N, C-alpha and C. Protein backbone atom coordinates (compact mmCIF):
# COMPACT_ATOMS: atom_id res chain seq x y z
N GLY A 1 92.79 65.24 148.29
CA GLY A 1 93.65 66.36 148.56
C GLY A 1 93.68 67.34 147.41
N ALA A 2 94.30 68.44 147.65
CA ALA A 2 94.41 69.50 146.65
C ALA A 2 95.49 69.17 145.62
N GLY A 3 95.28 69.62 144.42
CA GLY A 3 96.26 69.49 143.36
C GLY A 3 96.24 70.75 142.51
N TRP A 4 97.07 70.80 141.52
CA TRP A 4 97.14 71.97 140.65
C TRP A 4 97.67 71.56 139.29
N TYR A 5 97.44 72.44 138.33
CA TYR A 5 98.12 72.30 137.05
C TYR A 5 98.52 73.70 136.60
N HIS A 6 99.50 73.72 135.71
CA HIS A 6 100.04 74.99 135.21
C HIS A 6 99.52 75.21 133.79
N THR A 7 99.19 76.44 133.49
CA THR A 7 98.61 76.75 132.18
C THR A 7 99.65 77.13 131.13
N HIS A 8 100.89 77.42 131.57
CA HIS A 8 101.93 77.84 130.62
C HIS A 8 103.22 77.04 130.71
N ILE A 9 103.44 76.30 131.79
CA ILE A 9 104.70 75.57 131.93
C ILE A 9 104.43 74.08 132.10
N ALA A 10 105.42 73.29 131.73
CA ALA A 10 105.48 71.86 132.05
C ALA A 10 106.62 71.70 133.05
N GLU A 11 106.62 70.59 133.77
CA GLU A 11 107.67 70.36 134.76
C GLU A 11 108.22 68.95 134.64
N ILE A 12 109.51 68.85 134.94
CA ILE A 12 110.16 67.56 135.07
C ILE A 12 110.73 67.52 136.48
N TYR A 13 110.39 66.48 137.22
CA TYR A 13 110.90 66.28 138.57
C TYR A 13 111.88 65.11 138.53
N TYR A 14 113.10 65.35 139.03
CA TYR A 14 114.10 64.30 139.12
C TYR A 14 114.41 64.09 140.60
N PHE A 15 114.25 62.87 141.08
CA PHE A 15 114.38 62.58 142.50
C PHE A 15 115.79 62.09 142.82
N LEU A 16 116.51 62.87 143.64
CA LEU A 16 117.88 62.54 144.03
C LEU A 16 117.92 61.63 145.25
N HIS A 17 117.11 61.95 146.26
CA HIS A 17 117.07 61.21 147.53
C HIS A 17 115.63 61.11 148.00
N GLY A 18 115.36 60.10 148.82
CA GLY A 18 114.04 59.94 149.41
C GLY A 18 113.14 59.08 148.54
N THR A 19 112.04 58.66 149.15
CA THR A 19 111.03 57.87 148.44
C THR A 19 109.66 58.40 148.84
N GLY A 20 108.68 58.07 148.03
CA GLY A 20 107.32 58.51 148.32
C GLY A 20 106.42 58.28 147.13
N THR A 21 105.33 59.04 147.10
CA THR A 21 104.41 58.97 145.98
C THR A 21 104.12 60.37 145.46
N PHE A 22 103.76 60.41 144.21
CA PHE A 22 103.47 61.66 143.50
C PHE A 22 102.14 61.44 142.79
N ALA A 23 101.18 62.31 143.03
CA ALA A 23 99.87 62.20 142.38
C ALA A 23 99.89 62.97 141.07
N ILE A 24 99.38 62.35 140.01
CA ILE A 24 99.37 63.00 138.70
C ILE A 24 98.21 62.48 137.86
N GLY A 25 97.68 63.34 137.00
CA GLY A 25 96.61 62.96 136.09
C GLY A 25 95.24 63.22 136.69
N GLY A 26 94.23 62.68 136.06
CA GLY A 26 92.86 62.89 136.51
C GLY A 26 92.38 64.29 136.19
N SER A 27 91.57 64.82 137.09
CA SER A 27 91.02 66.16 136.89
C SER A 27 90.92 66.87 138.23
N LEU A 28 90.56 68.14 138.18
CA LEU A 28 90.36 68.92 139.40
C LEU A 28 88.88 69.26 139.55
N GLU A 29 88.35 69.05 140.75
CA GLU A 29 87.00 69.50 141.06
C GLU A 29 87.07 70.92 141.58
N ASN A 30 86.09 71.74 141.26
CA ASN A 30 86.04 73.13 141.70
C ASN A 30 87.34 73.88 141.40
N PRO A 31 87.82 73.81 140.16
CA PRO A 31 89.09 74.48 139.82
C PRO A 31 88.97 76.00 139.95
N GLN A 32 90.03 76.58 140.51
CA GLN A 32 90.11 78.03 140.68
C GLN A 32 91.47 78.50 140.18
N GLU A 33 91.48 79.57 139.40
CA GLU A 33 92.76 80.15 138.98
C GLU A 33 93.47 80.72 140.19
N ASP A 34 94.77 80.49 140.27
CA ASP A 34 95.57 81.07 141.35
C ASP A 34 95.68 82.58 141.14
N ALA A 35 95.83 83.30 142.23
CA ALA A 35 95.94 84.76 142.16
C ALA A 35 97.15 85.15 141.32
N ALA A 36 96.93 85.99 140.34
CA ALA A 36 98.00 86.41 139.42
C ALA A 36 99.11 87.18 140.13
N ASP A 37 98.78 87.86 141.23
CA ASP A 37 99.78 88.66 141.93
C ASP A 37 100.46 87.91 143.08
N ALA A 38 100.14 86.63 143.27
CA ALA A 38 100.77 85.84 144.34
C ALA A 38 102.24 85.58 144.02
N TRP A 39 103.07 85.56 145.04
CA TRP A 39 104.50 85.31 144.85
C TRP A 39 104.72 83.99 144.13
N SER A 40 104.01 82.92 144.55
CA SER A 40 104.22 81.61 143.92
C SER A 40 103.85 81.62 142.44
N THR A 41 102.85 82.40 142.06
CA THR A 41 102.46 82.50 140.65
C THR A 41 103.54 83.22 139.85
N LYS A 42 104.04 84.31 140.41
CA LYS A 42 105.02 85.12 139.69
C LYS A 42 106.43 84.52 139.67
N MET A 43 106.78 83.74 140.72
CA MET A 43 108.17 83.31 140.87
C MET A 43 108.40 81.80 140.74
N VAL A 44 107.38 80.97 140.98
CA VAL A 44 107.62 79.53 141.06
C VAL A 44 106.76 78.74 140.07
N ARG A 45 105.46 78.92 140.13
CA ARG A 45 104.52 78.05 139.41
C ARG A 45 104.04 78.62 138.08
N GLY A 46 104.09 79.92 137.92
CA GLY A 46 103.48 80.52 136.75
C GLY A 46 101.96 80.44 136.89
N PRO A 47 101.22 80.95 135.92
CA PRO A 47 99.76 80.88 135.99
C PRO A 47 99.31 79.43 136.17
N SER A 48 98.49 79.20 137.20
CA SER A 48 98.09 77.84 137.56
C SER A 48 96.65 77.80 138.00
N VAL A 49 96.12 76.60 138.07
CA VAL A 49 94.75 76.35 138.52
C VAL A 49 94.84 75.31 139.62
N SER A 50 94.13 75.54 140.73
CA SER A 50 94.13 74.62 141.87
C SER A 50 92.73 74.11 142.13
N GLY A 51 92.64 72.93 142.72
CA GLY A 51 91.35 72.35 143.08
C GLY A 51 91.55 71.01 143.75
N SER A 52 90.46 70.28 143.96
CA SER A 52 90.52 68.96 144.58
C SER A 52 90.72 67.90 143.51
N PHE A 53 91.67 67.01 143.75
CA PHE A 53 91.97 65.93 142.82
C PHE A 53 90.80 64.97 142.66
N LYS A 54 90.64 64.47 141.46
CA LYS A 54 89.66 63.42 141.17
C LYS A 54 90.28 62.51 140.12
N GLY A 55 90.40 61.23 140.42
CA GLY A 55 90.88 60.26 139.44
C GLY A 55 92.37 60.28 139.17
N GLN A 56 93.17 60.80 140.08
CA GLN A 56 94.62 60.85 139.88
C GLN A 56 95.24 59.47 140.04
N THR A 57 96.45 59.33 139.52
CA THR A 57 97.25 58.13 139.68
C THR A 57 98.34 58.42 140.68
N GLU A 58 98.54 57.52 141.64
CA GLU A 58 99.62 57.66 142.63
C GLU A 58 100.83 56.89 142.10
N VAL A 59 101.91 57.62 141.81
CA VAL A 59 103.12 57.03 141.26
C VAL A 59 104.19 57.01 142.34
N LYS A 60 104.77 55.83 142.60
CA LYS A 60 105.86 55.74 143.57
C LYS A 60 107.13 56.29 142.95
N PHE A 61 107.94 56.98 143.78
CA PHE A 61 109.23 57.44 143.30
C PHE A 61 110.34 57.03 144.26
N ALA A 62 111.53 56.89 143.70
CA ALA A 62 112.75 56.55 144.43
C ALA A 62 113.90 57.30 143.77
N PRO A 63 115.06 57.33 144.41
CA PRO A 63 116.19 58.03 143.80
C PRO A 63 116.45 57.55 142.37
N GLY A 64 116.66 58.51 141.48
CA GLY A 64 116.92 58.22 140.07
C GLY A 64 115.68 58.26 139.20
N ASP A 65 114.50 58.32 139.81
CA ASP A 65 113.26 58.38 139.03
C ASP A 65 112.99 59.79 138.53
N MET A 66 112.20 59.87 137.48
CA MET A 66 111.82 61.14 136.88
C MET A 66 110.31 61.10 136.60
N ILE A 67 109.63 62.21 136.88
CA ILE A 67 108.22 62.33 136.56
C ILE A 67 108.04 63.60 135.74
N ILE A 68 107.29 63.48 134.65
CA ILE A 68 107.00 64.63 133.79
C ILE A 68 105.55 65.04 134.02
N ALA A 69 105.34 66.32 134.32
CA ALA A 69 104.00 66.88 134.48
C ALA A 69 103.76 67.86 133.33
N PRO A 70 103.09 67.40 132.27
CA PRO A 70 102.84 68.29 131.12
C PRO A 70 101.93 69.47 131.49
N THR A 71 102.00 70.50 130.70
CA THR A 71 101.11 71.64 130.87
C THR A 71 99.66 71.15 130.91
N GLY A 72 98.89 71.64 131.88
CA GLY A 72 97.47 71.31 131.97
C GLY A 72 97.14 70.00 132.66
N VAL A 73 98.15 69.26 133.15
CA VAL A 73 97.90 67.98 133.83
C VAL A 73 98.02 68.19 135.35
N PRO A 74 96.96 67.88 136.11
CA PRO A 74 97.02 68.04 137.57
C PRO A 74 98.10 67.15 138.18
N HIS A 75 98.75 67.67 139.24
CA HIS A 75 99.81 66.93 139.91
C HIS A 75 100.12 67.53 141.27
N ARG A 76 100.83 66.76 142.10
CA ARG A 76 101.39 67.23 143.37
C ARG A 76 102.13 66.08 144.04
N PRO A 77 103.17 66.39 144.84
CA PRO A 77 103.74 65.34 145.69
C PRO A 77 102.68 64.93 146.70
N SER A 78 102.53 63.63 146.98
CA SER A 78 101.44 63.23 147.86
C SER A 78 101.89 62.55 149.15
N ALA A 79 103.00 61.84 149.16
CA ALA A 79 103.45 61.21 150.40
C ALA A 79 104.97 61.05 150.36
N ILE A 80 105.58 61.24 151.51
CA ILE A 80 107.01 61.04 151.67
C ILE A 80 107.18 59.82 152.56
N THR A 81 107.92 58.82 152.10
CA THR A 81 108.12 57.62 152.92
C THR A 81 109.53 57.49 153.46
N SER A 82 110.46 58.28 152.94
CA SER A 82 111.80 58.35 153.53
C SER A 82 112.39 59.72 153.24
N VAL A 83 113.22 60.18 154.14
CA VAL A 83 113.86 61.48 154.00
C VAL A 83 115.36 61.30 154.08
N PRO A 84 116.19 62.22 153.61
CA PRO A 84 115.75 63.48 153.02
C PRO A 84 115.16 63.26 151.62
N ARG A 85 114.26 64.14 151.27
CA ARG A 85 113.68 64.12 149.93
C ARG A 85 114.29 65.30 149.19
N ASP A 86 115.12 65.00 148.24
CA ASP A 86 115.76 66.04 147.43
C ASP A 86 115.30 65.86 145.99
N ILE A 87 114.77 66.93 145.42
CA ILE A 87 114.20 66.90 144.07
C ILE A 87 114.79 68.04 143.25
N ILE A 88 115.16 67.74 142.02
CA ILE A 88 115.49 68.79 141.06
C ILE A 88 114.26 68.98 140.20
N ARG A 89 113.81 70.21 140.11
CA ARG A 89 112.63 70.55 139.30
C ARG A 89 113.08 71.38 138.11
N PHE A 90 112.72 70.91 136.92
CA PHE A 90 112.98 71.64 135.69
C PHE A 90 111.65 72.20 135.21
N ALA A 91 111.59 73.50 134.99
CA ALA A 91 110.38 74.13 134.46
C ALA A 91 110.59 74.42 132.98
N ILE A 92 109.73 73.87 132.14
CA ILE A 92 109.76 74.12 130.70
C ILE A 92 108.83 75.30 130.47
N ASP A 93 109.41 76.44 130.13
CA ASP A 93 108.68 77.71 130.14
C ASP A 93 108.83 78.44 128.80
N PRO A 94 108.21 77.92 127.73
CA PRO A 94 108.39 78.53 126.41
C PRO A 94 107.83 79.94 126.31
N ASP A 95 106.84 80.28 127.14
CA ASP A 95 106.23 81.62 127.10
C ASP A 95 106.95 82.61 128.01
N LYS A 96 107.98 82.14 128.74
CA LYS A 96 108.78 82.99 129.63
C LYS A 96 107.91 83.72 130.65
N VAL A 97 107.02 82.95 131.33
CA VAL A 97 106.16 83.54 132.36
C VAL A 97 106.86 83.63 133.71
N LEU A 98 107.99 82.92 133.87
CA LEU A 98 108.75 82.96 135.11
C LEU A 98 110.07 83.69 134.89
N PRO A 99 110.57 84.34 135.94
CA PRO A 99 111.89 84.99 135.79
C PRO A 99 112.99 83.93 135.65
N LEU A 100 113.96 84.23 134.83
CA LEU A 100 115.07 83.32 134.61
C LEU A 100 115.95 83.29 135.84
N LYS A 101 116.28 82.09 136.30
CA LYS A 101 117.17 81.94 137.47
C LYS A 101 118.36 81.11 137.09
C-alpha cells in the first residue's frame, strides 16, 4: 500500500478509542513529492513524499497507545479492527510550515 513521510514535521499519534495497525518504517518505492499547492500539504501534512511501502513494520494499537513518526520516516494507518477510532495527532513543526490551529 501507499505510505508517506514528512520532510519538515514529526507526528505523535495518541489513540483514544479503537484498535488496529499502523505501518511505520522501511522505505518508499517510487517516491514522489506531494504537490506544494495541495490543501493537504498546506494545511495538514506539510511538505511530504508519497510512494509504495517497502519493509515497513505493522504496529498494533489500542486505546492509550502512542506512536511517534519522526521526520523522514514512512508511515500510515493500515487497518482498523474496531471502531470508533479516535486519534489525537500532534504535529511537531519547528519550521512552522503549517498554519497554527
